[in-house]
Amino acid sequence: MTINSLGGVSQIEGCTSIEKSVQSVRISEADSISVSSEAKAMGEVYAISEDLHTIPDIRMDKVEAAIQKLQDPNYINQAVINSVADKIADMFGV
C-alpha cells in the first residue's frame, strides 16, 4: 500500500507566540501534615512484616543440633520418650 499525497493539510496561519497567562501559585512554607497514631502503628506493623520476610523459615542451627542429639545413642532414653509423649499429648489436649 502506498500513499501518494495527504491533501487537505495546510499551514496554520495567524499563529502568535505563546505567552504565560497564569502566574504560578506560591505555596506557603508553613504547610504541614499530621499522621494519626493509628497510621503510625500500621506503618510499624508493615515494617515488621517486611523484616519477617527476610528471616528464613528453617533455622538450620536448630536442625543441626537436633541431628547431633539423635545421633548420640545415649540421648534417646525412657525419660526423653516420656517427655516427648507428654508434649504431644498436651498439644492435642489429651
C-alpha atoms as a PDB file:
ATOM      1  CA  MET A   1       0.000   0.000   0.000  1.00  0.00           C
ATOM      2  CA  THR A   2       1.372   3.406  -0.911  1.00  0.00           C
ATOM      3  CA  ILE A   3       0.115   6.857  -0.027  1.00  0.00           C
ATOM      4  CA  ASN A   4       0.829   9.400  -2.726  1.00  0.00           C
ATOM      5  CA  SER A   5      -0.450  12.555  -1.077  1.00  0.00           C
ATOM      6  CA  LEU A   6      -2.316  13.555   2.035  1.00  0.00           C
ATOM      7  CA  GLY A   7      -4.105  16.601   0.666  1.00  0.00           C
ATOM      8  CA  GLY A   8      -6.184  18.963   2.776  1.00  0.00           C
ATOM      9  CA  VAL A   9      -3.350  19.786   5.137  1.00  0.00           C
ATOM     10  CA  SER A  10      -2.387  23.435   5.178  1.00  0.00           C
ATOM     11  CA  GLN A  11      -0.169  25.550   7.324  1.00  0.00           C
ATOM     12  CA  ILE A  12      -1.694  27.171  10.369  1.00  0.00           C
ATOM     13  CA  GLU A  13      -1.986  30.894   9.715  1.00  0.00           C
ATOM     14  CA  GLY A  14      -2.173  33.686  12.206  1.00  0.00           C
ATOM     15  CA  CYS A  15      -0.310  31.833  14.915  1.00  0.00           C
ATOM     16  CA  THR A  16       1.303  34.080  17.517  1.00  0.00           C
ATOM     17  CA  SER A  17       3.870  33.324  20.159  1.00  0.00           C
ATOM     18  CA  ILE A  18       2.677  31.662  23.306  1.00  0.00           C
ATOM     19  CA  GLU A  19       2.740  33.783  26.422  1.00  0.00           C
ATOM     20  CA  LYS A  20       2.447  32.727  30.016  1.00  0.00           C
ATOM     21  CA  SER A  21      -1.120  33.577  31.018  1.00  0.00           C
ATOM     22  CA  VAL A  22      -1.305  32.397  34.623  1.00  0.00           C
ATOM     23  CA  GLN A  23       1.306  33.003  37.242  1.00  0.00           C
ATOM     24  CA  SER A  24       2.283  30.077  39.428  1.00  0.00           C
ATOM     25  CA  VAL A  25       0.860  29.967  42.909  1.00  0.00           C
ATOM     26  CA  ARG A  26       3.409  30.133  45.693  1.00  0.00           C
ATOM     27  CA  ILE A  27       2.832  27.567  48.424  1.00  0.00           C
ATOM     28  CA  SER A  28       3.350  28.740  51.939  1.00  0.00           C
ATOM     29  CA  GLU A  29       6.293  27.196  53.753  1.00  0.00           C
ATOM     30  CA  ALA A  30       4.115  26.849  56.841  1.00  0.00           C
ATOM     31  CA  ASP A  31       2.114  23.983  55.294  1.00  0.00           C
ATOM     32  CA  SER A  32       2.320  20.759  57.252  1.00  0.00           C
ATOM     33  CA  ILE A  33       0.803  17.329  57.533  1.00  0.00           C
ATOM     34  CA  SER A  34      -0.073  15.241  60.538  1.00  0.00           C
ATOM     35  CA  VAL A  35      -0.126  11.465  60.764  1.00  0.00           C
ATOM     36  CA  SER A  36      -2.515   9.760  63.152  1.00  0.00           C
ATOM     37  CA  SER A  37      -1.261   7.363  65.779  1.00  0.00           C
ATOM     38  CA  GLU A  38      -3.231   4.600  64.037  1.00  0.00           C
ATOM     39  CA  ALA A  39      -1.364   5.260  60.768  1.00  0.00           C
ATOM     40  CA  LYS A  40       1.954   5.255  62.617  1.00  0.00           C
ATOM     41  CA  ALA A  41       1.107   1.906  64.217  1.00  0.00           C
ATOM     42  CA  MET A  42       0.127   0.480  60.838  1.00  0.00           C
ATOM     43  CA  GLY A  43       3.450   1.679  59.436  1.00  0.00           C
ATOM     44  CA  GLU A  44       5.331  -0.070  62.221  1.00  0.00           C
ATOM     45  CA  VAL A  45       3.379  -3.297  61.622  1.00  0.00           C
ATOM     46  CA  TYR A  46       4.175  -3.079  57.907  1.00  0.00           C
ATOM     47  CA  ALA A  47       7.890  -2.553  58.601  1.00  0.00           C
ATOM     48  CA  ILE A  48       7.980  -5.519  60.984  1.00  0.00           C
ATOM     49  CA  SER A  49       6.166  -7.753  58.491  1.00  0.00           C
ATOM     50  CA  GLU A  50       8.702  -6.780  55.819  1.00  0.00           C
ATOM     51  CA  ASP A  51      11.524  -7.710  58.219  1.00  0.00           C
ATOM     52  CA  LEU A  52       9.894 -11.092  58.861  1.00  0.00           C
ATOM     53  CA  HIS A  53      10.094 -11.923  55.156  1.00  0.00           C
ATOM     54  CA  THR A  54      13.904 -11.838  55.381  1.00  0.00           C
ATOM     55  CA  ILE A  55      14.074 -14.440  58.171  1.00  0.00           C
ATOM     56  CA  PRO A  56      14.454 -17.996  56.842  1.00  0.00           C
ATOM     57  CA  ASP A  57      11.633 -20.449  57.521  1.00  0.00           C
ATOM     58  CA  ILE A  58      14.019 -23.183  58.668  1.00  0.00           C
ATOM     59  CA  ARG A  59      16.555 -22.483  61.399  1.00  0.00           C
ATOM     60  CA  MET A  60      19.416 -24.705  60.330  1.00  0.00           C
ATOM     61  CA  ASP A  61      21.230 -24.254  63.664  1.00  0.00           C
ATOM     62  CA  LYS A  62      18.283 -25.923  65.450  1.00  0.00           C
ATOM     63  CA  VAL A  63      18.112 -28.676  62.814  1.00  0.00           C
ATOM     64  CA  GLU A  64      21.836 -29.412  63.171  1.00  0.00           C
ATOM     65  CA  ALA A  65      21.531 -29.521  66.982  1.00  0.00           C
ATOM     66  CA  ALA A  66      18.632 -31.998  66.735  1.00  0.00           C
ATOM     67  CA  ILE A  67      20.583 -34.194  64.313  1.00  0.00           C
ATOM     68  CA  GLN A  68      23.548 -34.245  66.689  1.00  0.00           C
ATOM     69  CA  LYS A  69      21.324 -35.238  69.614  1.00  0.00           C
ATOM     70  CA  LEU A  70      19.627 -38.013  67.650  1.00  0.00           C
ATOM     71  CA  GLN A  71      22.951 -39.452  66.542  1.00  0.00           C
ATOM     72  CA  ASP A  72      24.046 -39.817  70.177  1.00  0.00           C
ATOM     73  CA  PRO A  73      22.974 -43.329  71.303  1.00  0.00           C
ATOM     74  CA  ASN A  74      22.666 -42.154  74.934  1.00  0.00           C
ATOM     75  CA  TYR A  75      20.236 -39.336  74.123  1.00  0.00           C
ATOM     76  CA  ILE A  76      17.178 -41.428  73.390  1.00  0.00           C
ATOM     77  CA  ASN A  77      16.160 -42.986  76.693  1.00  0.00           C
ATOM     78  CA  GLN A  78      12.896 -43.584  78.504  1.00  0.00           C
ATOM     79  CA  ALA A  79      12.879 -40.101  80.077  1.00  0.00           C
ATOM     80  CA  VAL A  80      13.174 -38.409  76.673  1.00  0.00           C
ATOM     81  CA  ILE A  81      10.479 -40.673  75.201  1.00  0.00           C
ATOM     82  CA  ASN A  82       8.109 -39.877  78.093  1.00  0.00           C
ATOM     83  CA  SER A  83       8.792 -36.152  77.787  1.00  0.00           C
ATOM     84  CA  VAL A  84       8.058 -36.144  74.048  1.00  0.00           C
ATOM     85  CA  ALA A  85       4.899 -38.219  74.556  1.00  0.00           C
ATOM     86  CA  ASP A  86       3.676 -35.800  77.238  1.00  0.00           C
ATOM     87  CA  LYS A  87       4.284 -32.781  74.995  1.00  0.00           C
ATOM     88  CA  ILE A  88       2.425 -34.403  72.097  1.00  0.00           C
ATOM     89  CA  ALA A  89      -0.481 -35.281  74.383  1.00  0.00           C
ATOM     90  CA  ASP A  90      -0.599 -31.683  75.670  1.00  0.00           C
ATOM     91  CA  MET A  91      -0.699 -30.345  72.104  1.00  0.00           C
ATOM     92  CA  PHE A  92      -3.766 -32.444  71.350  1.00  0.00           C
ATOM     93  CA  GLY A  93      -5.398 -31.713  74.706  1.00  0.00           C
ATOM     94  CA  VAL A  94      -5.286 -35.316  75.881  1.00  0.00           C
END
